[in-house]
Amino acid sequence: MSTSALQRPDTRSMMPGPAPVIPTTRLTLRPHRLSDAPAIAESLSDFAVTRMLSRVPAPFDRQDALDWLMPVTSGTLPDWSLAITGKDDVHIGTVSIELRHGRWHLGYWLNRYYWRRGYMSEAVAAIIERFSRRMPETPVHSGVFADNPASLRLQEKLGFRMTGCGEIYCFARNTMVSHIETVLQPGALQPRKVAPPARRRLRQSPISTHTGK
């Protein structure tokens, strides 16, 4: 046995293991299936979604979804790529932590019909919390386009901090777009605050405004 063999690190200890199933208050995050292709194609045919993603082309169809799902469902990748589903197992989005160039990167998207309900915050917090248990000393990198302040606020509330900015190519927009880089350092995850259910009031204000994420 050579000295180099004795010193070779065990790469299995540097990986988080198989993608888990993660139940949350309202959602279930689970590994993807090939049968998710139609739902993914429907969600990503919406330019409002794909314009905020760097690597997704527009238009996006069922074959594109299958091409993406084949390696994701093969079990050969170290990544966690989880389907965001409701209690009826309907695919409504994706949240993932992928190994790119030696660093773990967070990515996510949600069908536009489900925006502003807190689902994305719930899913991102859940996958990071579970990943941090498996890889407690590992930072998680991410980023957002500069014209997506809601996504940046989501990350900052969970403990991500900006590390720089630049430009990256967006396939859906077919142009370079300003991009903000972020990172969550080990131990920096902030607990997600869940708003209590609204109490019924005896008198209602004559004017009601609503803002949400």
N, C-alpha and C. Protein backbone atom coordinates (compact mmCIF):
# COMPACT_ATOMS: atom_id res chain seq x y z
N MET A 1 0.86 -1.19 0.00
CA MET A 1 0.00 0.00 0.00
C MET A 1 0.89 1.24 0.00
N SER A 2 0.61 2.19 -0.90
CA SER A 2 1.45 3.36 -1.02
C SER A 2 1.09 4.41 0.03
N THR A 3 2.03 5.34 0.25
CA THR A 3 1.78 6.43 1.18
C THR A 3 0.64 7.32 0.70
N SER A 4 0.57 7.53 -0.62
CA SER A 4 -0.50 8.38 -1.17
C SER A 4 -1.86 7.78 -0.90
N ALA A 5 -1.93 6.43 -0.93
CA ALA A 5 -3.21 5.78 -0.65
C ALA A 5 -3.62 5.99 0.79
N LEU A 6 -2.64 5.98 1.70
CA LEU A 6 -2.95 6.19 3.10
C LEU A 6 -3.45 7.60 3.36
N GLN A 7 -2.98 8.55 2.56
CA GLN A 7 -3.32 9.95 2.78
C GLN A 7 -4.51 10.42 1.97
N ARG A 8 -5.02 9.55 1.10
CA ARG A 8 -6.14 9.96 0.26
C ARG A 8 -7.38 10.16 1.12
N PRO A 9 -8.04 11.33 1.03
CA PRO A 9 -9.23 11.56 1.86
C PRO A 9 -10.39 10.71 1.40
N ASP A 10 -11.27 10.39 2.32
CA ASP A 10 -12.49 9.66 2.01
C ASP A 10 -13.52 10.65 1.51
N THR A 11 -13.71 10.69 0.18
CA THR A 11 -14.61 11.68 -0.41
C THR A 11 -16.06 11.45 0.00
N ARG A 12 -16.39 10.23 0.42
CA ARG A 12 -17.77 9.98 0.84
C ARG A 12 -18.15 10.83 2.05
N SER A 13 -17.15 11.15 2.90
CA SER A 13 -17.43 11.96 4.08
C SER A 13 -17.66 13.42 3.72
N MET A 14 -17.35 13.81 2.45
CA MET A 14 -17.53 15.18 2.02
C MET A 14 -18.83 15.38 1.27
N MET A 15 -19.67 14.35 1.20
CA MET A 15 -20.92 14.40 0.48
C MET A 15 -22.09 14.28 1.47
N PRO A 16 -23.23 14.88 1.13
CA PRO A 16 -24.36 14.85 2.07
C PRO A 16 -25.16 13.56 2.04
N GLY A 17 -24.87 12.66 1.10
CA GLY A 17 -25.63 11.43 1.02
C GLY A 17 -26.85 11.56 0.12
N PRO A 18 -27.66 10.51 0.04
CA PRO A 18 -28.82 10.53 -0.86
C PRO A 18 -29.79 11.67 -0.54
N ALA A 19 -30.45 12.16 -1.57
CA ALA A 19 -31.44 13.22 -1.39
C ALA A 19 -32.58 12.70 -0.51
N PRO A 20 -32.94 13.47 0.51
CA PRO A 20 -33.97 13.00 1.45
C PRO A 20 -35.38 13.42 1.03
N VAL A 21 -36.35 12.91 1.73
CA VAL A 21 -37.72 13.43 1.70
C VAL A 21 -37.88 14.30 2.94
N ILE A 22 -38.30 15.56 2.75
CA ILE A 22 -38.38 16.51 3.86
C ILE A 22 -39.81 17.04 3.96
N PRO A 23 -40.56 16.66 4.96
CA PRO A 23 -41.89 17.24 5.17
C PRO A 23 -41.76 18.57 5.91
N THR A 24 -42.58 19.55 5.53
CA THR A 24 -42.66 20.83 6.24
C THR A 24 -44.11 21.03 6.67
N THR A 25 -44.40 22.20 7.18
CA THR A 25 -45.76 22.46 7.66
C THR A 25 -46.80 22.28 6.56
N ARG A 26 -46.49 22.79 5.36
CA ARG A 26 -47.47 22.75 4.28
C ARG A 26 -47.01 21.99 3.05
N LEU A 27 -45.75 21.61 3.00
CA LEU A 27 -45.16 21.05 1.79
C LEU A 27 -44.48 19.72 2.07
N THR A 28 -44.16 19.02 0.99
CA THR A 28 -43.25 17.89 1.04
C THR A 28 -42.19 18.10 -0.04
N LEU A 29 -40.92 18.04 0.37
CA LEU A 29 -39.81 18.10 -0.57
C LEU A 29 -39.34 16.67 -0.79
N ARG A 30 -39.31 16.25 -2.05
CA ARG A 30 -38.95 14.85 -2.34
C ARG A 30 -38.07 14.79 -3.58
N PRO A 31 -37.33 13.69 -3.76
CA PRO A 31 -36.56 13.53 -5.00
C PRO A 31 -37.46 13.56 -6.23
N HIS A 32 -36.92 14.05 -7.33
CA HIS A 32 -37.70 14.14 -8.55
C HIS A 32 -37.94 12.76 -9.17
N ARG A 33 -38.99 12.72 -10.02
CA ARG A 33 -39.33 11.54 -10.80
C ARG A 33 -39.47 11.96 -12.26
N LEU A 34 -39.31 11.01 -13.16
CA LEU A 34 -39.51 11.32 -14.58
C LEU A 34 -40.93 11.78 -14.85
N SER A 35 -41.87 11.32 -14.04
CA SER A 35 -43.28 11.70 -14.23
C SER A 35 -43.54 13.16 -13.87
N ASP A 36 -42.53 13.85 -13.32
CA ASP A 36 -42.69 15.27 -13.02
C ASP A 36 -42.53 16.14 -14.26
N ALA A 37 -42.13 15.55 -15.39
CA ALA A 37 -41.81 16.33 -16.59
C ALA A 37 -42.95 17.26 -17.04
N PRO A 38 -44.19 16.79 -17.14
CA PRO A 38 -45.24 17.71 -17.60
C PRO A 38 -45.44 18.91 -16.69
N ALA A 39 -45.39 18.70 -15.37
CA ALA A 39 -45.58 19.82 -14.44
C ALA A 39 -44.42 20.80 -14.52
N ILE A 40 -43.19 20.28 -14.67
CA ILE A 40 -42.03 21.16 -14.79
C ILE A 40 -42.13 21.98 -16.07
N ALA A 41 -42.50 21.32 -17.17
CA ALA A 41 -42.63 22.02 -18.45
C ALA A 41 -43.69 23.11 -18.37
N GLU A 42 -44.79 22.83 -17.71
CA GLU A 42 -45.85 23.84 -17.57
C GLU A 42 -45.36 25.05 -16.78
N SER A 43 -44.66 24.80 -15.66
CA SER A 43 -44.18 25.90 -14.83
C SER A 43 -43.13 26.74 -15.57
N LEU A 44 -42.21 26.06 -16.26
CA LEU A 44 -41.09 26.77 -16.89
C LEU A 44 -41.41 27.24 -18.30
N SER A 45 -42.64 27.08 -18.74
CA SER A 45 -43.08 27.72 -19.98
C SER A 45 -43.47 29.17 -19.72
N ASP A 46 -43.46 29.56 -18.45
CA ASP A 46 -43.83 30.91 -18.01
C ASP A 46 -42.57 31.77 -17.96
N PHE A 47 -42.48 32.76 -18.82
CA PHE A 47 -41.30 33.61 -18.89
C PHE A 47 -41.07 34.39 -17.59
N ALA A 48 -42.14 34.66 -16.85
CA ALA A 48 -41.99 35.35 -15.56
C ALA A 48 -41.13 34.53 -14.60
N VAL A 49 -41.14 33.21 -14.76
CA VAL A 49 -40.31 32.33 -13.93
C VAL A 49 -38.91 32.21 -14.52
N THR A 50 -38.82 31.86 -15.80
CA THR A 50 -37.51 31.56 -16.39
C THR A 50 -36.62 32.79 -16.52
N ARG A 51 -37.18 33.99 -16.58
CA ARG A 51 -36.35 35.18 -16.71
C ARG A 51 -35.48 35.41 -15.47
N MET A 52 -35.83 34.78 -14.36
CA MET A 52 -35.05 34.91 -13.13
C MET A 52 -34.09 33.74 -12.92
N LEU A 53 -33.99 32.84 -13.92
CA LEU A 53 -33.11 31.69 -13.83
C LEU A 53 -32.03 31.81 -14.92
N SER A 54 -30.82 31.48 -14.57
CA SER A 54 -29.72 31.71 -15.51
C SER A 54 -29.61 30.63 -16.58
N ARG A 55 -29.89 29.37 -16.22
CA ARG A 55 -29.56 28.26 -17.12
C ARG A 55 -30.76 27.63 -17.80
N VAL A 56 -31.94 28.22 -17.68
CA VAL A 56 -33.16 27.64 -18.26
C VAL A 56 -33.51 28.40 -19.53
N PRO A 57 -33.61 27.70 -20.67
CA PRO A 57 -33.93 28.40 -21.93
C PRO A 57 -35.40 28.74 -22.03
N ALA A 58 -35.71 29.62 -22.94
CA ALA A 58 -37.10 29.94 -23.26
C ALA A 58 -37.23 29.95 -24.79
N PRO A 59 -38.20 29.23 -25.34
CA PRO A 59 -39.23 28.45 -24.63
C PRO A 59 -38.67 27.17 -24.02
N PHE A 60 -39.43 26.60 -23.08
CA PHE A 60 -39.06 25.37 -22.38
C PHE A 60 -40.21 24.39 -22.51
N ASP A 61 -39.91 23.15 -22.99
CA ASP A 61 -41.00 22.20 -23.22
C ASP A 61 -40.76 20.89 -22.48
N ARG A 62 -41.63 19.92 -22.70
CA ARG A 62 -41.57 18.65 -21.96
C ARG A 62 -40.27 17.91 -22.23
N GLN A 63 -39.76 17.96 -23.47
CA GLN A 63 -38.49 17.28 -23.76
C GLN A 63 -37.34 17.93 -23.01
N ASP A 64 -37.37 19.25 -22.87
CA ASP A 64 -36.35 19.92 -22.07
C ASP A 64 -36.41 19.43 -20.62
N ALA A 65 -37.63 19.26 -20.11
CA ALA A 65 -37.79 18.78 -18.74
C ALA A 65 -37.24 17.36 -18.59
N LEU A 66 -37.51 16.50 -19.56
CA LEU A 66 -37.01 15.13 -19.52
C LEU A 66 -35.49 15.10 -19.61
N ASP A 67 -34.92 15.95 -20.46
CA ASP A 67 -33.46 16.01 -20.59
C ASP A 67 -32.81 16.40 -19.27
N TRP A 68 -33.47 17.28 -18.52
CA TRP A 68 -32.95 17.69 -17.22
C TRP A 68 -33.16 16.60 -16.18
N LEU A 69 -34.30 15.91 -16.25
CA LEU A 69 -34.64 14.91 -15.24
C LEU A 69 -33.80 13.64 -15.36
N MET A 70 -33.36 13.29 -16.55
CA MET A 70 -32.65 12.02 -16.73
C MET A 70 -31.43 11.92 -15.81
N PRO A 71 -30.50 12.87 -15.81
CA PRO A 71 -29.37 12.75 -14.88
C PRO A 71 -29.77 12.99 -13.43
N VAL A 72 -30.76 13.86 -13.21
CA VAL A 72 -31.17 14.18 -11.84
C VAL A 72 -31.75 12.95 -11.14
N THR A 73 -32.47 12.12 -11.88
CA THR A 73 -33.11 10.95 -11.29
C THR A 73 -32.25 9.68 -11.40
N SER A 74 -31.05 9.79 -11.96
CA SER A 74 -30.21 8.61 -12.19
C SER A 74 -29.56 8.07 -10.93
N GLY A 75 -29.46 8.91 -9.89
CA GLY A 75 -28.80 8.49 -8.66
C GLY A 75 -27.29 8.57 -8.72
N THR A 76 -26.74 9.17 -9.79
CA THR A 76 -25.28 9.24 -9.94
C THR A 76 -24.70 10.59 -9.52
N LEU A 77 -25.56 11.56 -9.24
CA LEU A 77 -25.09 12.90 -8.89
C LEU A 77 -25.09 13.08 -7.37
N PRO A 78 -24.15 13.88 -6.85
CA PRO A 78 -24.14 14.12 -5.41
C PRO A 78 -25.16 15.16 -4.96
N ASP A 79 -25.79 15.83 -5.94
CA ASP A 79 -26.67 16.96 -5.64
C ASP A 79 -27.97 16.52 -4.96
N TRP A 80 -28.55 17.46 -4.24
CA TRP A 80 -29.92 17.31 -3.75
C TRP A 80 -30.80 18.19 -4.63
N SER A 81 -31.60 17.59 -5.47
CA SER A 81 -32.55 18.33 -6.30
C SER A 81 -33.94 17.83 -5.96
N LEU A 82 -34.68 18.63 -5.20
CA LEU A 82 -35.95 18.17 -4.64
C LEU A 82 -37.14 18.88 -5.28
N ALA A 83 -38.16 18.09 -5.56
CA ALA A 83 -39.43 18.64 -6.01
C ALA A 83 -40.17 19.25 -4.83
N ILE A 84 -40.72 20.43 -5.02
CA ILE A 84 -41.59 21.05 -4.02
C ILE A 84 -43.01 20.63 -4.36
N THR A 85 -43.66 19.93 -3.44
CA THR A 85 -45.00 19.44 -3.70
C THR A 85 -45.93 19.83 -2.57
N GLY A 86 -47.20 19.95 -2.90
CA GLY A 86 -48.22 20.15 -1.89
C GLY A 86 -48.61 18.82 -1.27
N LYS A 87 -49.59 18.84 -0.41
CA LYS A 87 -50.01 17.62 0.26
C LYS A 87 -50.62 16.60 -0.71
N ASP A 88 -51.01 17.07 -1.91
CA ASP A 88 -51.55 16.17 -2.93
C ASP A 88 -50.47 15.69 -3.89
N ASP A 89 -49.20 15.96 -3.59
CA ASP A 89 -48.04 15.53 -4.37
C ASP A 89 -47.97 16.21 -5.74
N VAL A 90 -48.65 17.32 -5.93
CA VAL A 90 -48.54 18.07 -7.18
C VAL A 90 -47.22 18.86 -7.18
N HIS A 91 -46.46 18.72 -8.25
CA HIS A 91 -45.17 19.41 -8.38
C HIS A 91 -45.41 20.89 -8.65
N ILE A 92 -44.91 21.75 -7.75
CA ILE A 92 -45.11 23.19 -7.92
C ILE A 92 -43.80 23.97 -8.01
N GLY A 93 -42.67 23.29 -7.89
CA GLY A 93 -41.40 23.99 -7.97
C GLY A 93 -40.24 23.08 -7.63
N THR A 94 -39.06 23.68 -7.57
CA THR A 94 -37.83 22.93 -7.31
C THR A 94 -36.95 23.71 -6.36
N VAL A 95 -36.30 23.01 -5.44
CA VAL A 95 -35.26 23.60 -4.61
C VAL A 95 -34.09 22.63 -4.62
N SER A 96 -32.88 23.13 -4.80
CA SER A 96 -31.74 22.23 -4.96
C SER A 96 -30.49 22.81 -4.31
N ILE A 97 -29.61 21.91 -3.91
CA ILE A 97 -28.26 22.27 -3.51
C ILE A 97 -27.33 21.40 -4.34
N GLU A 98 -26.58 22.06 -5.24
CA GLU A 98 -25.78 21.36 -6.23
C GLU A 98 -24.30 21.65 -6.02
N LEU A 99 -23.48 20.64 -6.29
CA LEU A 99 -22.03 20.79 -6.21
C LEU A 99 -21.53 21.31 -7.55
N ARG A 100 -20.99 22.53 -7.54
CA ARG A 100 -20.45 23.14 -8.76
C ARG A 100 -19.05 23.64 -8.48
N HIS A 101 -18.08 23.11 -9.22
CA HIS A 101 -16.69 23.56 -9.10
C HIS A 101 -16.21 23.55 -7.65
N GLY A 102 -16.60 22.49 -6.93
CA GLY A 102 -16.11 22.32 -5.57
C GLY A 102 -16.87 23.09 -4.50
N ARG A 103 -17.95 23.81 -4.90
CA ARG A 103 -18.74 24.57 -3.92
C ARG A 103 -20.21 24.17 -4.06
N TRP A 104 -20.92 24.20 -2.92
CA TRP A 104 -22.34 23.85 -2.92
C TRP A 104 -23.18 25.09 -3.16
N HIS A 105 -24.10 24.98 -4.12
CA HIS A 105 -24.90 26.13 -4.55
C HIS A 105 -26.39 25.84 -4.38
N LEU A 106 -27.09 26.80 -3.81
CA LEU A 106 -28.54 26.75 -3.66
C LEU A 106 -29.22 27.34 -4.87
N GLY A 107 -30.26 26.66 -5.36
CA GLY A 107 -31.08 27.19 -6.44
C GLY A 107 -32.54 26.85 -6.18
N TYR A 108 -33.45 27.62 -6.75
CA TYR A 108 -34.87 27.36 -6.50
C TYR A 108 -35.74 28.12 -7.50
N TRP A 109 -36.94 27.60 -7.73
CA TRP A 109 -37.96 28.32 -8.49
C TRP A 109 -39.33 27.76 -8.09
N LEU A 110 -40.36 28.54 -8.36
CA LEU A 110 -41.72 28.18 -7.96
C LEU A 110 -42.70 28.59 -9.05
N ASN A 111 -43.65 27.71 -9.34
CA ASN A 111 -44.73 28.04 -10.27
C ASN A 111 -45.38 29.35 -9.85
N ARG A 112 -45.62 30.24 -10.81
CA ARG A 112 -46.08 31.59 -10.47
C ARG A 112 -47.41 31.60 -9.70
N TYR A 113 -48.25 30.59 -9.93
CA TYR A 113 -49.54 30.55 -9.23
C TYR A 113 -49.37 30.48 -7.71
N TYR A 114 -48.21 29.99 -7.25
CA TYR A 114 -47.99 29.79 -5.82
C TYR A 114 -47.11 30.87 -5.19
N TRP A 115 -46.82 31.93 -5.91
CA TRP A 115 -46.03 33.02 -5.35
C TRP A 115 -46.81 33.73 -4.23
N ARG A 116 -46.06 34.42 -3.39
CA ARG A 116 -46.60 35.28 -2.33
C ARG A 116 -47.42 34.51 -1.28
N ARG A 117 -47.06 33.27 -1.07
CA ARG A 117 -47.72 32.48 -0.01
C ARG A 117 -46.71 31.98 1.03
N GLY A 118 -45.43 32.35 0.86
CA GLY A 118 -44.41 31.90 1.79
C GLY A 118 -43.88 30.50 1.51
N TYR A 119 -44.33 29.88 0.42
CA TYR A 119 -43.89 28.51 0.13
C TYR A 119 -42.39 28.43 -0.15
N MET A 120 -41.88 29.43 -0.89
CA MET A 120 -40.47 29.36 -1.27
C MET A 120 -39.59 29.49 -0.05
N SER A 121 -39.92 30.40 0.86
CA SER A 121 -39.15 30.53 2.10
C SER A 121 -39.19 29.25 2.91
N GLU A 122 -40.35 28.62 2.96
CA GLU A 122 -40.53 27.38 3.72
C GLU A 122 -39.66 26.26 3.14
N ALA A 123 -39.64 26.15 1.81
CA ALA A 123 -38.87 25.09 1.17
C ALA A 123 -37.37 25.32 1.29
N VAL A 124 -36.92 26.55 1.06
CA VAL A 124 -35.49 26.85 1.13
C VAL A 124 -34.97 26.64 2.55
N ALA A 125 -35.71 27.12 3.54
CA ALA A 125 -35.28 26.95 4.94
C ALA A 125 -35.17 25.47 5.28
N ALA A 126 -36.11 24.66 4.79
CA ALA A 126 -36.13 23.23 5.13
C ALA A 126 -34.94 22.49 4.53
N ILE A 127 -34.62 22.76 3.26
CA ILE A 127 -33.53 22.02 2.64
C ILE A 127 -32.18 22.43 3.23
N ILE A 128 -32.03 23.72 3.54
CA ILE A 128 -30.76 24.17 4.12
C ILE A 128 -30.59 23.61 5.52
N GLU A 129 -31.66 23.59 6.29
CA GLU A 129 -31.56 23.05 7.65
C GLU A 129 -31.14 21.59 7.61
N ARG A 130 -31.72 20.80 6.71
CA ARG A 130 -31.36 19.38 6.62
C ARG A 130 -29.93 19.22 6.08
N PHE A 131 -29.58 20.01 5.06
CA PHE A 131 -28.23 19.94 4.50
C PHE A 131 -27.19 20.30 5.56
N SER A 132 -27.49 21.29 6.38
CA SER A 132 -26.55 21.73 7.41
C SER A 132 -26.32 20.65 8.47
N ARG A 133 -27.32 19.82 8.69
CA ARG A 133 -27.12 18.70 9.60
C ARG A 133 -26.14 17.69 9.03
N ARG A 134 -26.22 17.46 7.73
CA ARG A 134 -25.33 16.50 7.07
C ARG A 134 -23.93 17.08 6.85
N MET A 135 -23.88 18.39 6.55
CA MET A 135 -22.61 19.05 6.19
C MET A 135 -22.44 20.31 7.05
N PRO A 136 -22.23 20.17 8.35
CA PRO A 136 -22.28 21.32 9.26
C PRO A 136 -21.16 22.34 9.06
N GLU A 137 -20.07 21.96 8.43
CA GLU A 137 -18.95 22.88 8.24
C GLU A 137 -18.90 23.45 6.83
N THR A 138 -19.96 23.28 6.06
CA THR A 138 -19.93 23.64 4.64
C THR A 138 -20.74 24.90 4.35
N PRO A 139 -20.13 25.93 3.76
CA PRO A 139 -20.92 27.09 3.34
C PRO A 139 -21.79 26.76 2.13
N VAL A 140 -22.89 27.46 2.00
CA VAL A 140 -23.79 27.30 0.86
C VAL A 140 -23.82 28.60 0.08
N HIS A 141 -23.47 28.53 -1.19
CA HIS A 141 -23.43 29.72 -2.05
C HIS A 141 -24.73 29.83 -2.84
N SER A 142 -25.04 31.04 -3.24
CA SER A 142 -26.21 31.25 -4.09
C SER A 142 -26.05 32.60 -4.78
N GLY A 143 -27.14 33.13 -5.27
CA GLY A 143 -27.12 34.41 -5.94
C GLY A 143 -28.47 34.72 -6.54
N VAL A 144 -28.68 35.97 -6.88
CA VAL A 144 -29.95 36.41 -7.48
C VAL A 144 -29.64 37.47 -8.53
N PHE A 145 -30.53 37.57 -9.50
CA PHE A 145 -30.42 38.70 -10.42
C PHE A 145 -30.76 39.99 -9.68
N ALA A 146 -30.11 41.07 -10.07
CA ALA A 146 -30.26 42.33 -9.35
C ALA A 146 -31.69 42.87 -9.41
N ASP A 147 -32.47 42.45 -10.41
CA ASP A 147 -33.86 42.92 -10.51
C ASP A 147 -34.83 41.93 -9.86
N ASN A 148 -34.32 41.12 -8.92
CA ASN A 148 -35.18 40.18 -8.19
C ASN A 148 -35.00 40.42 -6.68
N PRO A 149 -35.43 41.59 -6.18
CA PRO A 149 -35.21 41.92 -4.77
C PRO A 149 -35.95 40.98 -3.81
N ALA A 150 -37.08 40.41 -4.21
CA ALA A 150 -37.81 39.50 -3.32
C ALA A 150 -36.97 38.27 -2.99
N SER A 151 -36.26 37.74 -3.99
CA SER A 151 -35.42 36.58 -3.76
C SER A 151 -34.23 36.93 -2.86
N LEU A 152 -33.69 38.12 -3.02
CA LEU A 152 -32.59 38.56 -2.17
C LEU A 152 -33.06 38.71 -0.72
N ARG A 153 -34.26 39.26 -0.52
CA ARG A 153 -34.79 39.39 0.84
C ARG A 153 -35.00 38.01 1.48
N LEU A 154 -35.49 37.07 0.70
CA LEU A 154 -35.68 35.71 1.20
C LEU A 154 -34.36 35.16 1.74
N GLN A 155 -33.30 35.31 0.95
CA GLN A 155 -32.01 34.78 1.37
C GLN A 155 -31.45 35.52 2.59
N GLU A 156 -31.58 36.83 2.60
CA GLU A 156 -31.03 37.60 3.73
C GLU A 156 -31.74 37.25 5.04
N LYS A 157 -33.04 37.00 4.98
CA LYS A 157 -33.76 36.63 6.20
C LYS A 157 -33.30 35.30 6.76
N LEU A 158 -32.77 34.43 5.89
CA LEU A 158 -32.28 33.13 6.33
C LEU A 158 -30.81 33.16 6.75
N GLY A 159 -30.16 34.30 6.55
CA GLY A 159 -28.78 34.43 7.00
C GLY A 159 -27.75 34.57 5.90
N PHE A 160 -28.16 34.54 4.63
CA PHE A 160 -27.22 34.75 3.53
C PHE A 160 -26.72 36.19 3.54
N ARG A 161 -25.50 36.38 3.12
CA ARG A 161 -24.91 37.71 3.01
C ARG A 161 -24.31 37.90 1.62
N MET A 162 -24.40 39.13 1.11
CA MET A 162 -23.85 39.43 -0.20
C MET A 162 -22.33 39.39 -0.17
N THR A 163 -21.75 38.83 -1.22
CA THR A 163 -20.29 38.74 -1.30
C THR A 163 -19.72 39.44 -2.52
N GLY A 164 -20.56 39.83 -3.45
CA GLY A 164 -20.06 40.49 -4.65
C GLY A 164 -21.15 40.61 -5.68
N CYS A 165 -20.82 41.22 -6.79
CA CYS A 165 -21.78 41.36 -7.89
C CYS A 165 -21.03 41.36 -9.21
N GLY A 166 -21.75 41.04 -10.25
CA GLY A 166 -21.16 40.99 -11.58
C GLY A 166 -22.25 40.80 -12.60
N GLU A 167 -21.93 40.17 -13.70
CA GLU A 167 -22.92 39.87 -14.73
C GLU A 167 -22.77 38.41 -15.15
N ILE A 168 -23.91 37.73 -15.35
CA ILE A 168 -23.90 36.39 -15.91
C ILE A 168 -24.94 36.32 -17.02
N TYR A 169 -24.77 35.31 -17.87
CA TYR A 169 -25.66 35.17 -19.01
C TYR A 169 -26.96 34.50 -18.59
N CYS A 170 -28.08 35.04 -19.02
CA CYS A 170 -29.40 34.47 -18.77
C CYS A 170 -29.93 33.93 -20.10
N PHE A 171 -30.12 32.61 -20.18
CA PHE A 171 -30.55 31.99 -21.43
C PHE A 171 -31.95 32.46 -21.82
N ALA A 172 -32.85 32.58 -20.87
CA ALA A 172 -34.22 32.97 -21.20
C ALA A 172 -34.28 34.39 -21.76
N ARG A 173 -33.47 35.28 -21.21
CA ARG A 173 -33.47 36.67 -21.69
C ARG A 173 -32.52 36.87 -22.88
N ASN A 174 -31.61 35.91 -23.07
CA ASN A 174 -30.64 35.97 -24.16
C ASN A 174 -29.74 37.20 -24.05
N THR A 175 -29.29 37.47 -22.81
CA THR A 175 -28.42 38.62 -22.60
C THR A 175 -27.70 38.48 -21.25
N MET A 176 -26.68 39.31 -21.05
CA MET A 176 -26.02 39.36 -19.77
C MET A 176 -26.88 40.16 -18.79
N VAL A 177 -26.94 39.71 -17.54
CA VAL A 177 -27.79 40.34 -16.53
C VAL A 177 -26.98 40.54 -15.26
N SER A 178 -27.17 41.68 -14.60
CA SER A 178 -26.49 41.95 -13.33
C SER A 178 -26.88 40.91 -12.29
N HIS A 179 -25.89 40.41 -11.56
CA HIS A 179 -26.10 39.28 -10.65
C HIS A 179 -25.41 39.55 -9.32
N ILE A 180 -26.10 39.27 -8.22
CA ILE A 180 -25.57 39.46 -6.87
C ILE A 180 -25.21 38.10 -6.30
N GLU A 181 -23.95 37.93 -5.86
CA GLU A 181 -23.50 36.68 -5.26
C GLU A 181 -23.76 36.71 -3.75
N THR A 182 -24.17 35.56 -3.20
CA THR A 182 -24.44 35.47 -1.77
C THR A 182 -23.84 34.18 -1.21
N VAL A 183 -23.70 34.14 0.11
CA VAL A 183 -23.23 32.92 0.78
C VAL A 183 -23.83 32.83 2.18
N LEU A 184 -24.12 31.61 2.59
CA LEU A 184 -24.54 31.31 3.95
C LEU A 184 -23.40 30.56 4.62
N GLN A 185 -22.80 31.18 5.61
CA GLN A 185 -21.68 30.56 6.30
C GLN A 185 -22.18 29.50 7.28
N PRO A 186 -21.33 28.51 7.61
CA PRO A 186 -21.75 27.48 8.58
C PRO A 186 -22.22 28.09 9.90
N GLY A 187 -23.35 27.63 10.38
CA GLY A 187 -23.90 28.12 11.64
C GLY A 187 -24.67 29.41 11.55
N ALA A 188 -24.77 30.00 10.35
CA ALA A 188 -25.42 31.31 10.21
C ALA A 188 -26.89 31.23 9.86
N LEU A 189 -27.44 30.03 9.66
CA LEU A 189 -28.85 29.90 9.29
C LEU A 189 -29.74 30.48 10.38
N GLN A 190 -30.63 31.38 9.98
CA GLN A 190 -31.57 32.01 10.90
C GLN A 190 -32.89 31.25 10.88
N PRO A 191 -33.49 31.03 12.04
CA PRO A 191 -34.79 30.33 12.05
C PRO A 191 -35.83 31.14 11.32
N ARG A 192 -36.62 30.44 10.52
CA ARG A 192 -37.66 31.11 9.76
C ARG A 192 -38.80 31.51 10.67
N LYS A 193 -39.23 32.76 10.57
CA LYS A 193 -40.33 33.25 11.38
C LYS A 193 -41.65 32.99 10.66
N VAL A 194 -42.54 32.33 11.35
CA VAL A 194 -43.86 32.03 10.79
C VAL A 194 -44.88 32.97 11.41
N ALA A 195 -45.58 33.70 10.58
CA ALA A 195 -46.57 34.64 11.09
C ALA A 195 -47.73 33.90 11.72
N PRO A 196 -48.23 34.34 12.89
CA PRO A 196 -49.38 33.69 13.50
C PRO A 196 -50.63 33.92 12.68
N PRO A 197 -51.61 33.03 12.76
CA PRO A 197 -52.85 33.22 12.01
C PRO A 197 -53.55 34.51 12.43
N ALA A 198 -54.10 35.19 11.45
CA ALA A 198 -54.76 36.47 11.73
C ALA A 198 -55.99 36.25 12.60
N ARG A 199 -56.19 37.14 13.57
CA ARG A 199 -57.36 37.06 14.42
C ARG A 199 -58.52 37.84 13.81
N ARG A 200 -59.69 37.32 13.99
CA ARG A 200 -60.86 38.01 13.45
C ARG A 200 -61.14 39.25 14.31
N ARG A 201 -61.35 40.37 13.63
CA ARG A 201 -61.62 41.62 14.34
C ARG A 201 -63.11 41.92 14.32
N LEU A 202 -63.56 42.60 15.38
CA LEU A 202 -64.97 42.98 15.45
C LEU A 202 -65.30 44.04 14.41
N ARG A 203 -64.32 44.93 14.17
CA ARG A 203 -64.52 45.97 13.17
C ARG A 203 -63.45 45.83 12.10
N GLN A 204 -63.87 45.91 10.85
CA GLN A 204 -62.94 45.83 9.75
C GLN A 204 -62.66 47.23 9.23
N SER A 205 -61.39 47.47 8.90
CA SER A 205 -61.03 48.76 8.31
C SER A 205 -61.70 48.90 6.95
N PRO A 206 -62.15 50.08 6.60
CA PRO A 206 -62.81 50.24 5.31
C PRO A 206 -61.84 50.11 4.14
N ILE A 207 -60.53 50.25 4.41
CA ILE A 207 -59.54 50.12 3.35
C ILE A 207 -58.57 49.03 3.76
N SER A 208 -58.36 48.04 2.90
CA SER A 208 -57.44 46.95 3.21
C SER A 208 -56.35 46.90 2.15
N THR A 209 -55.11 46.81 2.60
CA THR A 209 -54.00 46.65 1.66
C THR A 209 -53.28 45.36 2.01
N HIS A 210 -52.69 44.75 1.01
CA HIS A 210 -51.98 43.48 1.25
C HIS A 210 -50.67 43.50 0.49
N THR A 211 -49.59 43.18 1.19
CA THR A 211 -48.30 42.97 0.53
C THR A 211 -47.77 41.65 1.02
N GLY A 212 -47.07 40.95 0.19
CA GLY A 212 -46.54 39.66 0.58
C GLY A 212 -45.42 39.23 -0.32
N LYS A 213 -44.80 38.11 0.07
CA LYS A 213 -43.67 37.58 -0.68
C LYS A 213 -44.05 36.20 -1.15
